[in-house]
Protein backbone atom coordinates (compact mmCIF):
# COMPACT_ATOMS: atom_id res chain seq x y z
CA UNK A 1 -1.19 10.55 15.31
CA UNK A 2 2.22 12.21 15.40
CA UNK A 3 3.63 8.80 14.43
CA UNK A 4 1.54 9.08 11.26
CA UNK A 5 2.99 12.57 10.55
CA UNK A 6 -0.37 14.17 11.19
CA UNK A 7 -0.28 17.57 12.89
CA UNK A 8 -3.98 18.23 13.55
CA UNK A 9 -6.99 16.48 15.05
CA UNK A 10 -10.67 17.27 14.88
CA UNK A 11 -12.75 16.58 18.02
CA UNK A 12 -15.75 15.14 16.26
CA UNK A 13 -18.41 15.37 17.31
CA UNK A 14 -18.09 16.24 20.97
CA UNK A 15 -15.70 18.18 23.23
CA UNK A 16 -12.68 16.04 24.15
CA UNK A 17 -11.40 14.77 27.45
CA UNK A 18 -9.37 17.54 29.10
CA UNK A 19 -6.36 15.20 29.43
CA UNK A 20 -6.37 14.69 25.66
CA UNK A 21 -6.03 18.44 25.16
CA UNK A 22 -3.12 18.47 27.60
CA UNK A 23 -1.40 15.87 25.43
CA UNK A 24 -2.11 17.87 22.28
CA UNK A 25 -0.50 20.91 23.91
CA UNK A 26 2.52 18.81 24.82
CA UNK A 27 2.91 17.19 21.39
CA UNK A 28 2.15 20.29 19.35
CA UNK A 29 -0.99 18.95 17.67
CA UNK A 30 -3.42 21.51 16.28
CA UNK A 31 -7.01 20.98 17.50
CA UNK A 32 -10.50 21.71 16.20
CA UNK A 33 -12.59 21.75 19.39
CA UNK A 34 -16.18 20.87 18.53
CA UNK A 35 -19.53 21.60 20.07
CA UNK A 36 -21.74 18.54 19.82
CA UNK A 37 -24.51 18.30 17.30
CA UNK A 38 -24.28 15.65 14.62
CA UNK A 39 -26.46 16.76 11.68
CA UNK A 40 -29.02 18.14 14.15
CA UNK A 41 -28.27 21.16 16.30
CA UNK A 42 -28.86 21.86 19.96
CA UNK A 43 -31.66 24.28 20.69
CA UNK A 44 -30.58 27.77 21.69
CA UNK A 45 -31.40 27.49 25.39
CA UNK A 46 -29.16 24.46 25.86
CA UNK A 47 -26.68 25.54 23.19
CA UNK A 48 -25.76 28.85 24.84
CA UNK A 49 -24.91 26.98 28.05
CA UNK A 50 -22.86 24.32 26.26
CA UNK A 51 -20.80 26.87 24.31
CA UNK A 52 -19.97 28.66 27.56
CA UNK A 53 -19.01 25.43 29.33
CA UNK A 54 -16.89 24.23 26.41
CA UNK A 55 -14.97 27.44 25.84
CA UNK A 56 -14.44 28.29 29.53
CA UNK A 57 -13.05 24.82 30.16
CA UNK A 58 -10.77 24.65 27.07
CA UNK A 59 -9.90 28.25 26.28
CA UNK A 60 -6.36 28.18 27.72
CA UNK A 61 -5.17 25.28 25.55
CA UNK A 62 -2.75 26.70 22.93
CA UNK A 63 -3.33 23.64 20.74
CA UNK A 64 -6.87 24.81 19.87
CA UNK A 65 -6.95 26.76 16.61
CA UNK A 66 -10.67 26.63 15.76
CA UNK A 67 -14.04 26.13 17.39
CA UNK A 68 -16.56 23.95 15.52
CA UNK A 69 -20.22 24.86 15.89
CA UNK A 70 -21.89 21.53 15.21
CA UNK A 71 -21.40 19.28 12.20
CA UNK A 72 -23.03 18.61 8.81
CA UNK A 73 -26.15 20.71 9.29
CA UNK A 74 -26.06 20.59 13.08
CA UNK A 75 -25.25 24.29 13.22
CA UNK A 76 -27.34 26.50 15.42
CA UNK A 77 -26.45 29.83 13.88
CA UNK A 78 -27.65 31.71 16.96
CA UNK A 79 -24.59 30.29 18.76
CA UNK A 80 -21.92 31.45 16.28
CA UNK A 81 -21.01 34.61 18.18
CA UNK A 82 -21.15 32.99 21.63
CA UNK A 83 -17.65 31.53 21.31
CA UNK A 84 -16.11 35.01 21.20
CA UNK A 85 -17.87 35.94 24.45
CA UNK A 86 -15.68 33.50 26.35
CA UNK A 87 -12.56 33.42 24.17
CA UNK A 88 -10.34 36.50 24.45
CA UNK A 89 -8.36 35.27 21.40
CA UNK A 90 -11.52 35.37 19.26
CA UNK A 91 -10.54 32.14 17.53
CA UNK A 92 -12.26 31.36 14.24
CA UNK A 93 -15.55 29.45 14.28
CA UNK A 94 -16.20 26.76 11.66
CA UNK A 95 -19.29 25.01 10.37
CA UNK A 96 -17.96 21.59 9.37
CA UNK A 97 -19.18 20.80 5.84
CA UNK A 98 -20.15 24.42 5.07
CA UNK A 99 -18.47 27.39 3.40
CA UNK A 100 -18.66 29.68 6.41
CA UNK A 101 -16.81 32.88 7.32
CA UNK A 102 -14.13 32.45 4.66
CA UNK A 103 -13.30 28.78 5.23
CA UNK A 104 -14.79 26.07 3.02
CA UNK A 105 -14.89 22.81 4.98
CA UNK A 106 -16.95 20.82 2.43
CA UNK A 107 -16.90 17.08 3.06
CA UNK A 108 -16.11 14.28 0.61
CA UNK A 109 -15.82 16.24 -2.59
CA UNK A 110 -14.78 14.34 -5.69
CA UNK A 111 -11.34 15.09 -7.06
CA UNK A 112 -12.74 17.31 -9.80
CA UNK A 113 -14.95 19.21 -7.35
CA UNK A 114 -12.01 19.68 -4.97
CA UNK A 115 -9.96 21.05 -7.88
CA UNK A 116 -12.58 23.75 -8.44
CA UNK A 117 -12.58 24.63 -4.75
CA UNK A 118 -8.79 24.92 -4.76
CA UNK A 119 -9.07 27.38 -7.66
CA UNK A 120 -11.16 29.90 -5.69
CA UNK A 121 -10.00 32.58 -3.26
CA UNK A 122 -11.70 30.85 -0.29
CA UNK A 123 -9.61 28.73 2.09
CA UNK A 124 -10.35 25.05 1.43
CA UNK A 125 -10.01 22.84 4.51
CA UNK A 126 -12.28 19.78 4.39
CA UNK A 127 -13.03 18.74 7.95
CA UNK A 128 -13.81 15.27 6.58
CA UNK A 129 -12.30 13.71 3.44
CA UNK A 130 -10.80 10.44 2.19
CA UNK A 131 -13.40 8.33 4.05
CA UNK A 132 -11.53 5.19 5.17
CA UNK A 133 -14.28 2.55 4.96
CA UNK A 134 -12.80 -0.98 5.21
CA UNK A 135 -9.64 -0.89 3.01
CA UNK A 136 -10.81 2.02 0.83
CA UNK A 137 -10.17 5.71 1.08
CA UNK A 138 -7.77 7.13 3.73
CA UNK A 139 -4.46 6.43 1.95
CA UNK A 140 -6.15 5.35 -1.29
CA UNK A 141 -6.34 8.38 -3.56
CA UNK A 142 -4.58 10.61 -1.02
CA UNK A 143 -1.49 11.18 -3.17
CA UNK A 144 -3.59 12.73 -5.95
CA UNK A 145 -5.65 14.86 -3.57
CA UNK A 146 -2.68 16.04 -1.54
CA UNK A 147 -0.58 16.92 -4.60
CA UNK A 148 -3.45 18.97 -5.97
CA UNK A 149 -4.25 20.60 -2.64
CA UNK A 150 -0.62 21.50 -1.88
CA UNK A 151 -0.37 23.27 -5.23
CA UNK A 152 -3.29 25.50 -4.28
CA UNK A 153 -2.83 28.91 -2.69
CA UNK A 154 -5.92 28.39 -0.54
CA UNK A 155 -5.11 25.02 1.06
CA UNK A 156 -5.90 24.94 4.75
CA UNK A 157 -5.29 21.22 5.28
CA UNK A 158 -7.67 18.30 5.58
CA UNK A 159 -9.01 15.78 8.11
CA UNK A 160 -9.24 12.10 7.11
CA UNK A 161 -12.31 10.32 8.42
CA UNK A 162 -11.49 8.56 10.67
CA UNK A 163 -8.66 7.59 12.97
CA UNK A 164 -9.91 4.22 14.21
CA UNK A 165 -12.42 1.45 13.61
CA UNK A 166 -14.87 1.74 16.49
CA UNK A 167 -15.67 -1.95 16.80
CA UNK A 168 -16.91 -3.43 20.07
CA UNK A 169 -16.36 -6.91 21.48
CA UNK A 170 -19.65 -8.78 21.62
CA UNK A 171 -20.37 -10.51 24.94
CA UNK A 172 -22.17 -13.40 23.21
CA UNK A 173 -19.60 -14.35 20.55
CA UNK A 174 -16.43 -12.57 21.64
CA UNK A 175 -16.03 -11.16 18.13
CA UNK A 176 -15.39 -7.52 17.24
CA UNK A 177 -18.61 -6.09 15.79
CA UNK A 178 -18.39 -2.99 13.56
CA UNK A 179 -22.17 -2.88 12.85
CA UNK A 180 -21.85 -3.57 9.10
CA UNK A 181 -20.38 -0.30 7.71
CA UNK A 182 -21.23 2.05 10.58
CA UNK A 183 -17.90 1.81 12.40
CA UNK A 184 -15.08 0.39 10.19
CA UNK A 185 -13.83 3.78 8.97
CA UNK A 186 -10.42 3.84 10.62
CA UNK A 187 -6.78 3.91 9.66
CA UNK A 188 -6.18 1.72 12.71
CA UNK A 189 -8.30 -1.06 14.16
CA UNK A 190 -10.20 -1.31 17.47
CA UNK A 191 -6.96 -2.23 19.28
CA UNK A 192 -4.98 0.30 17.21
CA UNK A 193 -3.91 -2.32 14.67
CA UNK A 194 -2.23 -0.43 11.83
CA UNK A 195 -3.78 -0.83 8.39
CA UNK A 196 -1.88 -0.20 5.16
CA UNK A 197 -3.25 3.33 4.83
CA UNK A 198 -1.50 4.25 8.09
CA UNK A 199 1.86 3.97 6.36
CA UNK A 200 0.64 5.58 3.14
CA UNK A 201 -0.46 8.62 5.13
CA UNK A 202 2.81 8.60 7.04
CA UNK A 203 4.91 8.71 3.86
CA UNK A 204 2.76 11.24 2.02
CA UNK A 205 2.52 13.56 5.03
CA UNK A 206 6.16 13.39 6.00
CA UNK A 207 7.28 16.99 6.66
CA UNK A 208 10.66 16.22 5.08
CA UNK A 209 10.61 14.58 1.65
CA UNK A 210 13.47 13.13 -0.40
CA UNK A 211 12.49 13.94 -3.97
CA UNK A 212 14.78 11.35 -5.62
CA UNK A 213 12.48 8.50 -6.67
CA UNK A 214 15.41 6.50 -8.04
CA UNK A 215 19.18 6.80 -7.86
CA UNK A 216 21.02 7.84 -11.04
CA UNK A 217 23.71 5.60 -12.52
CA UNK A 218 26.39 8.11 -11.51
CA UNK A 219 25.01 8.58 -7.99
CA UNK A 220 27.47 10.60 -5.91
CA UNK A 221 25.79 10.34 -2.52
CA UNK A 222 23.80 13.57 -2.82
CA UNK A 223 20.02 13.76 -2.47
CA UNK A 224 17.50 16.57 -2.72
CA UNK A 225 15.29 17.25 0.31
CA UNK A 226 12.11 19.32 0.36
CA UNK A 227 11.16 20.88 3.69
CA UNK A 228 7.39 20.90 4.25
CA UNK A 229 7.58 21.90 7.89
CA UNK A 230 5.99 25.17 8.99
CA UNK A 231 8.67 26.19 11.50
CA UNK A 232 11.49 23.60 11.60
CA UNK A 233 14.76 23.74 9.67
CA UNK A 234 15.80 20.41 8.15
CA UNK A 235 19.14 20.59 9.94
CA UNK A 236 17.28 20.25 13.25
CA UNK A 237 16.47 16.65 12.23
CA UNK A 238 18.66 13.56 11.96
CA UNK A 239 19.47 11.96 8.59
CA UNK A 240 21.08 8.53 9.00
CA UNK A 241 21.94 6.18 6.15
CA UNK A 242 22.49 2.43 6.00
CA UNK A 243 23.91 0.11 3.37
CA UNK A 244 21.94 -3.13 3.52
CA UNK A 245 22.31 -6.73 2.38
CA UNK A 246 19.00 -8.51 1.99
CA UNK A 247 18.48 -12.05 3.20
CA UNK A 248 18.48 -14.52 0.30
CA UNK A 249 15.60 -16.87 -0.58
CA UNK A 250 17.58 -19.85 0.74
CA UNK A 251 17.98 -18.25 4.19
CA UNK A 252 15.44 -18.98 6.89
CA UNK A 253 15.41 -15.42 8.26
CA UNK A 254 13.76 -12.33 6.80
CA UNK A 255 15.01 -8.75 6.87
CA UNK A 256 18.50 -7.50 6.11
CA UNK A 257 22.02 -7.10 7.47
CA UNK A 258 23.58 -3.67 7.93
CA UNK A 259 26.85 -3.44 6.01
CA UNK A 260 27.68 0.15 6.90
CA UNK A 261 25.99 3.22 8.36
CA UNK A 262 26.57 6.91 8.99
CA UNK A 263 25.09 10.38 9.20
CA UNK A 264 24.40 12.77 6.35
CA UNK A 265 25.66 16.32 6.16
CA UNK A 266 22.57 18.54 6.25
CA UNK A 267 22.76 22.26 5.51
CA UNK A 268 20.12 24.76 6.53
CA UNK A 269 16.94 24.00 4.55
CA UNK A 270 14.24 26.34 5.77
CA UNK A 271 10.48 25.61 5.57
CA UNK A 272 9.01 25.59 2.04
CA UNK A 273 12.46 25.27 0.47
CA UNK A 274 14.59 22.51 -1.08
CA UNK A 275 18.25 21.73 -0.51
CA UNK A 276 20.89 19.07 -1.15
CA UNK A 277 22.25 16.76 1.55
CA UNK A 278 25.47 14.71 1.29
CA UNK A 279 25.43 11.14 2.63
CA UNK A 280 29.23 10.69 2.78
CA UNK A 281 29.04 7.08 1.57
CA UNK A 282 32.06 4.78 1.35
CA UNK A 283 33.56 4.26 -2.11
CA UNK A 284 32.38 0.64 -2.31
CA UNK A 285 28.73 1.46 -1.45
CA UNK A 286 27.53 -0.10 -4.72
CA UNK A 287 28.49 -3.58 -3.45
CA UNK A 288 25.52 -3.45 -1.06
CA UNK A 289 21.99 -4.49 -2.04
CA UNK A 290 20.25 -1.28 -1.01
CA UNK A 291 20.71 2.20 0.38
CA UNK A 292 18.36 3.31 3.17
CA UNK A 293 17.91 6.82 4.56
CA UNK A 294 16.01 7.33 7.80
CA UNK A 295 14.90 10.84 8.72
CA UNK A 296 13.98 11.47 12.36
CA UNK A 297 12.73 14.59 14.08
CA UNK A 298 14.51 16.24 17.00
CA UNK A 299 12.78 13.85 19.43
CA UNK A 300 14.10 10.82 17.54
CA UNK A 301 10.73 9.88 16.02
CA UNK A 302 10.96 8.43 12.52
CA UNK A 303 9.41 10.64 9.86
CA UNK A 304 10.09 8.14 7.08
CA UNK A 305 12.75 5.74 5.80
CA UNK A 306 13.46 5.62 2.08
CA UNK A 307 15.08 2.53 0.55
CA UNK A 308 16.61 2.41 -2.93
CA UNK A 309 17.76 -0.87 -4.52
CA UNK A 310 21.31 -1.04 -5.81
CA UNK A 311 22.53 -3.26 -8.66
CA UNK A 312 23.47 -6.11 -6.31
CA UNK A 313 19.87 -6.42 -5.08
CA UNK A 314 19.28 -8.86 -7.95
CA UNK A 315 22.36 -11.03 -7.31
CA UNK A 316 20.12 -13.85 -6.08
CA UNK A 317 19.10 -14.38 -9.73
CA UNK A 318 22.42 -16.15 -10.30
CA UNK A 319 20.81 -19.23 -8.75
CA UNK A 320 18.10 -19.21 -11.45
CA UNK A 321 20.73 -19.32 -14.19
CA UNK A 322 23.19 -21.63 -12.42
CA UNK A 323 24.90 -24.21 -14.63
CA UNK A 324 22.96 -27.40 -15.25
CA UNK A 325 23.82 -30.60 -13.41
CA UNK A 326 21.44 -32.99 -15.15
CA UNK A 327 20.02 -33.01 -18.68
CA UNK A 328 16.20 -33.02 -18.77
CA UNK A 329 14.32 -35.85 -20.43
CA UNK A 330 10.69 -36.12 -21.47
CA UNK A 331 7.91 -38.61 -22.02
CA UNK A 332 4.46 -38.24 -23.56
CA UNK A 333 1.00 -39.66 -23.06
CA UNK A 334 -2.17 -38.93 -24.98
CA UNK A 335 -2.98 -36.00 -22.68
CA UNK A 336 0.33 -34.71 -21.32
CA UNK A 337 4.02 -34.09 -21.77
CA UNK A 338 6.18 -34.84 -18.74
CA UNK A 339 9.65 -33.35 -18.31
CA UNK A 340 12.08 -34.90 -15.81
CA UNK A 341 15.22 -33.50 -14.20
CA UNK A 342 16.59 -35.65 -11.38
CA UNK A 343 13.78 -35.91 -8.83
CA UNK A 344 11.73 -33.20 -10.54
CA UNK A 345 8.72 -34.22 -12.66
CA UNK A 346 6.66 -31.56 -14.44
CA UNK A 347 3.52 -32.28 -16.44
CA UNK A 348 2.00 -30.01 -19.11
CA UNK A 349 -1.39 -30.41 -20.74
CA UNK A 350 -1.56 -31.18 -24.46
CA UNK A 351 -5.07 -29.70 -24.51
CA UNK A 352 -4.18 -26.18 -23.32
CA UNK A 353 -0.40 -26.05 -22.78
CA UNK A 354 -0.87 -25.22 -19.10
CA UNK A 355 0.88 -26.65 -16.07
CA UNK A 356 -0.87 -29.76 -14.72
CA UNK A 357 1.28 -30.87 -11.80
CA UNK A 358 4.75 -30.76 -10.28
CA UNK A 359 6.54 -33.41 -8.21
CA UNK A 360 9.94 -33.40 -6.58
CA UNK A 361 10.57 -36.85 -5.21
CA UNK A 362 7.67 -37.68 -2.88
CA UNK A 363 6.50 -34.05 -2.76
CA UNK A 364 3.57 -33.12 -4.97
CA UNK A 365 2.80 -29.45 -5.65
CA UNK A 366 -0.69 -28.33 -6.67
CA UNK A 367 0.21 -25.16 -8.60
CA UNK A 368 -1.70 -25.71 -11.83
CA UNK A 369 -3.97 -24.40 -14.60
CA UNK A 370 -1.67 -21.62 -15.70
CA UNK A 371 -0.54 -19.40 -17.02
CA UNK A 372 -3.95 -18.38 -18.28
CA UNK A 373 -5.07 -14.81 -18.92
CA UNK A 374 -6.45 -13.05 -15.85
CA UNK A 375 -9.24 -11.88 -18.15
CA UNK A 376 -10.04 -13.16 -21.62
CA UNK A 377 -9.62 -16.36 -23.60
CA UNK A 378 -6.86 -18.69 -24.77
CA UNK A 379 -7.27 -21.45 -27.35
CA UNK A 380 -4.26 -23.67 -28.02
CA UNK A 381 -3.26 -23.89 -31.70
CA UNK A 382 0.11 -25.65 -31.49
CA UNK A 383 2.50 -27.23 -29.00
CA UNK A 384 6.17 -27.74 -29.86
CA UNK A 385 8.91 -29.44 -27.84
CA UNK A 386 12.65 -28.90 -28.49
CA UNK A 387 15.95 -29.20 -26.63
CA UNK A 388 18.19 -26.16 -26.15
CA UNK A 389 21.50 -27.20 -24.65
CA UNK A 390 20.79 -28.32 -21.08
CA UNK A 391 17.17 -27.09 -21.22
CA UNK A 392 13.96 -28.65 -22.47
CA UNK A 393 11.64 -26.11 -24.12
CA UNK A 394 7.90 -26.41 -24.64
CA UNK A 395 6.25 -23.66 -26.72
CA UNK A 396 2.47 -23.24 -26.78
CA UNK A 397 0.81 -20.89 -29.29
CA UNK A 398 -2.72 -19.57 -28.86
CA UNK A 399 -5.50 -17.57 -30.38
CA UNK A 400 -7.44 -15.22 -28.17
CA UNK A 401 -5.98 -12.98 -25.49
CA UNK A 402 -3.08 -15.31 -24.72
CA UNK A 403 -0.57 -15.36 -27.57
CA UNK A 404 2.30 -17.61 -26.53
CA UNK A 405 3.73 -19.44 -23.54
CA UNK A 406 7.22 -20.92 -23.48
CA UNK A 407 8.18 -23.33 -20.72
CA UNK A 408 11.91 -23.87 -20.16
CA UNK A 409 12.71 -26.80 -17.88
CA UNK A 410 16.30 -26.21 -16.82
CA UNK A 411 18.85 -28.83 -15.97
CA UNK A 412 19.50 -26.97 -12.70
CA UNK A 413 15.99 -27.73 -11.42
CA UNK A 414 14.38 -24.36 -12.15
CA UNK A 415 11.37 -23.95 -14.44
CA UNK A 416 11.03 -20.73 -16.45
CA UNK A 417 7.70 -19.59 -17.84
CA UNK A 418 7.73 -16.86 -20.53
CA UNK A 419 4.36 -15.55 -21.69
CA UNK A 420 2.85 -13.05 -24.08
CA UNK A 421 -0.76 -11.86 -23.92
CA UNK A 422 -2.68 -8.93 -25.32
CA UNK A 423 -4.95 -6.41 -23.63
CA UNK A 424 -6.32 -3.10 -24.89
CA UNK A 425 -8.54 -0.42 -23.47
CA UNK A 426 -9.35 0.40 -19.81
CA UNK A 427 -8.72 -2.61 -17.56
CA UNK A 428 -9.34 -3.37 -13.91
CA UNK A 429 -6.56 -5.95 -14.06
CA UNK A 430 -4.41 -7.70 -16.64
CA UNK A 431 -1.85 -10.49 -16.40
CA UNK A 432 -1.69 -14.24 -15.94
CA UNK A 433 -2.94 -16.51 -13.16
CA UNK A 434 -2.31 -19.95 -11.68
CA UNK A 435 -4.48 -21.96 -9.30
CA UNK A 436 -3.29 -23.09 -5.90
CA UNK A 437 -5.49 -24.32 -3.02
CA UNK A 438 -5.73 -21.69 -0.30
CA UNK A 439 -6.14 -24.33 2.41
CA UNK A 440 -2.58 -25.51 1.82
CA UNK A 441 -0.87 -22.11 2.18
CA UNK A 442 0.83 -21.48 5.54
CA UNK A 443 3.30 -18.61 5.18
CA UNK A 444 4.89 -16.27 2.67
CA UNK A 445 8.26 -14.52 2.47
CA UNK A 446 9.30 -12.08 -0.22
CA UNK A 447 11.73 -9.36 -1.26
CA UNK A 448 9.66 -6.38 -2.31
CA UNK A 449 7.77 -3.35 -1.08
CA UNK A 450 5.87 -4.28 2.01
CA UNK A 451 4.70 -5.53 4.27
CA UNK A 452 1.24 -4.36 3.15
CA UNK A 453 -0.65 -4.98 -0.07
CA UNK A 454 -1.23 -2.22 -2.59
CA UNK A 455 -3.91 -0.84 -4.89
CA UNK A 456 -3.29 1.19 -8.02
CA UNK A 457 -4.14 4.40 -6.15
CA UNK A 458 -2.36 3.37 -2.92
CA UNK A 459 1.23 2.60 -3.85
CA UNK A 460 3.14 4.72 -1.26
CA UNK A 461 3.67 3.42 2.25
CA UNK A 462 5.80 0.35 1.60
CA UNK A 463 9.55 -0.08 1.93
CA UNK A 464 11.86 -2.49 0.13
CA UNK A 465 12.85 -5.36 2.41
CA UNK A 466 12.56 -9.12 2.89
CA UNK A 467 9.18 -9.47 4.59
CA UNK A 468 7.24 -12.47 5.89
CA UNK A 469 3.94 -13.26 7.54
CA UNK A 470 1.73 -16.22 8.35
CA UNK A 471 -1.49 -16.93 6.51
CA UNK A 472 -4.50 -14.93 7.67
CA UNK A 473 -7.91 -14.25 6.20
CA UNK A 474 -8.33 -10.73 7.54
CA UNK A 475 -11.00 -8.63 5.86
CA UNK A 476 -9.81 -5.10 6.54
CA UNK A 477 -11.98 -3.32 9.09
CA UNK A 478 -14.49 -6.18 9.07
CA UNK A 479 -13.03 -9.30 10.65
CA UNK A 480 -9.75 -10.98 11.47
CA UNK A 481 -7.81 -7.89 12.65
CA UNK A 482 -4.45 -9.47 11.84
CA UNK A 483 -2.29 -7.08 9.83
CA UNK A 484 -0.68 -6.97 7.35
CA UNK A 485 -3.29 -8.84 5.33
CA UNK A 486 -1.83 -12.01 3.82
CA UNK A 487 -3.80 -11.90 0.60
CA UNK A 488 -3.70 -9.30 -2.16
CA UNK A 489 -1.36 -7.61 -4.63
CA UNK A 490 2.24 -6.79 -3.74
CA UNK A 491 4.57 -4.43 -5.58
CA UNK A 492 8.23 -4.43 -6.65
CA UNK A 493 8.55 -8.13 -5.87
CA UNK A 494 12.00 -9.53 -6.67
CA UNK A 495 11.23 -13.00 -5.33
CA UNK A 496 8.46 -14.64 -3.34
CA UNK A 497 8.28 -17.93 -1.43
CA UNK A 498 5.11 -19.67 -0.38
CA UNK A 499 5.43 -22.15 2.45
CA UNK A 500 2.72 -24.72 1.91
CA UNK A 501 1.72 -28.06 3.38
CA UNK A 502 3.33 -29.54 0.25
CA UNK A 503 6.66 -27.71 0.58
CA UNK A 504 8.24 -24.47 -0.59
CA UNK A 505 7.31 -22.78 -3.88
CA UNK A 506 9.69 -20.01 -4.97
CA UNK A 507 8.69 -17.58 -7.73
CA UNK A 508 11.06 -15.04 -9.28
CA UNK A 509 9.49 -12.46 -11.64
CA UNK A 510 11.89 -11.18 -14.29
CA UNK A 511 10.58 -7.61 -13.85
CA UNK A 512 10.01 -6.09 -10.41
CA UNK A 513 7.35 -3.91 -12.07
CA UNK A 514 5.16 -7.03 -12.13
CA UNK A 515 2.59 -7.13 -9.32
CA UNK A 516 2.28 -10.47 -7.56
CA UNK A 517 -1.20 -11.40 -6.33
CA UNK A 518 -1.23 -13.97 -3.53
CA UNK A 519 -4.55 -15.82 -3.32
CA UNK A 520 -7.80 -13.86 -3.69
CA UNK A 521 -8.70 -11.42 -0.90
CA UNK A 522 -12.22 -11.39 0.48
CA UNK A 523 -14.34 -8.29 1.00
CA UNK A 524 -17.51 -7.49 2.91
CA UNK A 525 -20.79 -7.98 1.11
CA UNK A 526 -21.66 -5.50 -1.61
CA UNK A 527 -24.59 -4.32 0.51
CA UNK A 528 -22.25 -2.75 3.11
CA UNK A 529 -19.16 -2.12 1.04
CA UNK A 530 -20.09 1.30 -0.29
CA UNK A 531 -17.92 2.06 -3.30
CA UNK A 532 -14.83 0.39 -1.81
CA UNK A 533 -15.37 -2.72 -3.94
CA UNK A 534 -12.35 -4.15 -5.77
CA UNK A 535 -12.38 -6.80 -8.50
CA UNK A 536 -9.42 -9.19 -8.68
CA UNK A 537 -9.03 -12.46 -10.58
CA UNK A 538 -9.66 -15.71 -8.74
CA UNK A 539 -6.22 -17.26 -8.35
CA UNK A 540 -3.66 -18.91 -6.13
CA UNK A 541 -0.80 -16.92 -7.65
CA UNK A 542 -1.16 -14.21 -10.26
CA UNK A 543 1.40 -12.04 -12.03
CA UNK A 544 -0.24 -8.80 -13.10
CA UNK A 545 0.79 -5.79 -15.15
CA UNK A 546 -2.36 -3.90 -14.18
CA UNK A 547 -4.11 -3.89 -10.80
CA UNK A 548 -7.31 -2.08 -9.80
CA UNK A 549 -7.70 1.09 -7.73
CA UNK A 550 -10.00 1.11 -4.73
CA UNK A 551 -12.81 3.53 -3.93
CA UNK A 552 -14.21 4.81 -0.63
CA UNK A 553 -17.58 4.81 1.08
CA UNK A 554 -19.04 7.60 -1.04
CA UNK A 555 -17.00 7.74 -4.24
CA UNK A 556 -15.78 5.25 -6.78
CA UNK A 557 -12.05 5.12 -7.42
CA UNK A 558 -12.52 6.94 -10.74
CA UNK A 559 -13.72 10.01 -8.81
CA UNK A 560 -10.63 10.12 -6.58
CA UNK A 561 -8.07 11.44 -9.08
CA UNK A 562 -5.86 10.26 -11.95
CA UNK A 563 -4.50 7.24 -10.07
CA UNK A 564 -8.05 6.04 -9.51
CA UNK A 565 -8.83 5.79 -13.21
CA UNK A 566 -8.67 2.37 -14.85
CA UNK A 567 -5.32 1.75 -16.54
CA UNK A 568 -5.36 1.88 -20.32
CA UNK A 569 -3.90 -1.35 -21.66
CA UNK A 570 -1.82 -0.77 -24.78
CA UNK A 571 -1.42 -4.08 -26.67
CA UNK A 572 0.96 -6.99 -26.11
CA UNK A 573 2.52 -7.66 -22.70
CA UNK A 574 5.47 -9.93 -22.04
CA UNK A 575 6.50 -11.51 -18.77
CA UNK A 576 8.74 -14.19 -17.36
CA UNK A 577 8.54 -16.10 -14.07
CA UNK A 578 11.05 -18.66 -12.79
CA UNK A 579 9.83 -21.29 -10.32
CA UNK A 580 11.60 -23.65 -7.95
CA UNK A 581 9.63 -26.34 -6.15
CA UNK A 582 10.98 -27.63 -2.84
CA UNK A 583 13.84 -26.48 -0.65
CA UNK A 584 16.31 -24.36 -2.60
CA UNK A 585 19.78 -25.85 -3.05
CA UNK A 586 22.61 -24.19 -1.17
CA UNK A 587 24.15 -21.39 -3.26
């Protein structure tokens, strides 16, 4: 839990193992020690004995801040004063889910209801919130809640439900069974597999925060740090920077190379204050692809690592615009236009202007039926073919939601697709999609925020790097248990490669703001999904300007704060994607 930057744990719904409390003392974790009783209380005869046994056993643990008398209606009020009989410190007693003795622990309030609670003079400390069913809740919506709660004068903290998926291995099938939606509430899996929300929580709850979201053009190596610790000065922690060069799409490896590294100069920044640190970068730092800053506590544990792209991060785009070696040619049939460049053959439909097929020598690639609008209609009105220097250009005009698509077949073997579509009003998603058979996808590698997928209300938690993973069909908290999930929407993608049974497909979005959807993720049945249902377009590859938020077990995404509201589309959207099919030529 410390790895996730959490500083408190609730013992729900039973007293913990004594060794666990020893570890909490050692690590400095705050503890809510809880008397059993889940929605139904113990009777008084048994309850008096259990309070005595619990408090006498645990009373000398300094990690314990509160005693919990039951949970969610399981409060035997005759026991409230028993805790003080055995606790010389007279620690506060809570009723989880109730406003009791000056602490409001209400569970699972909507964002608007939590706002009202934060505006009172009663301490607000939900002992359950952000319910993490499947891939919903936990980190999804947390940024809105935590920003609002931190601004309140009555914030006492909050406890995400829950830490882990409590699945059990079935003796008959060997599979992990989470009993529909009774157990898959965790931020980690049954074997402590880390889900995406783990890293979202870690970033949002980092006790030291660099407030610079982007680096200014005249960046001088100075950054602003906010200290959210309760007792620790920022200069008691280590700030180390790295200048990084990312692996290129033509390289087989992922990750980055370290060009240079060093330590920052950190003045005294006391808790609840901000200050400026100096990185002491070399003069030629801008020749790197990215700047990274890792902040570690006094024990060497990473709090978070921030990565900012530098101008050179997009140098790989030179390959897209490399000078042409061969002039394209074209032929036509009744149904299609085929463009040829060396061994490359690309077919476009005369009926809808979409991609039909791609061949490079003996390799055939099945990316097809796009770009088409992720939602809406497109009716072809005209199709025009012209030559522009070393490029062959095919322009398709439409009525409906798609307005225009321009294909540019370059003499250097790249294919550029420019598109314009319209969308207005609240949208779950908006963009363009292509088909590709899922059965032929083996692996993906990309430069972008990762390695986990994102939702509109769960953007934090990723770092900019060259990531890769093999195909999996994990359904978060339900089956598969291989993380990160292969399928879904990914942010800040500079380039992406799919390794398929047919060969490599490289896609380079012109704007890193474009979300790239890889295949279509599966979800549990609607019957067990609660309100953590997410609509996405059926696709092999999609390039989206708008992606959906995700809800939780009890609340739809629209009840979880501003980021959970559907995005308002504003009119015409323009995008550009460059594709290369097959192994990339050496730079």
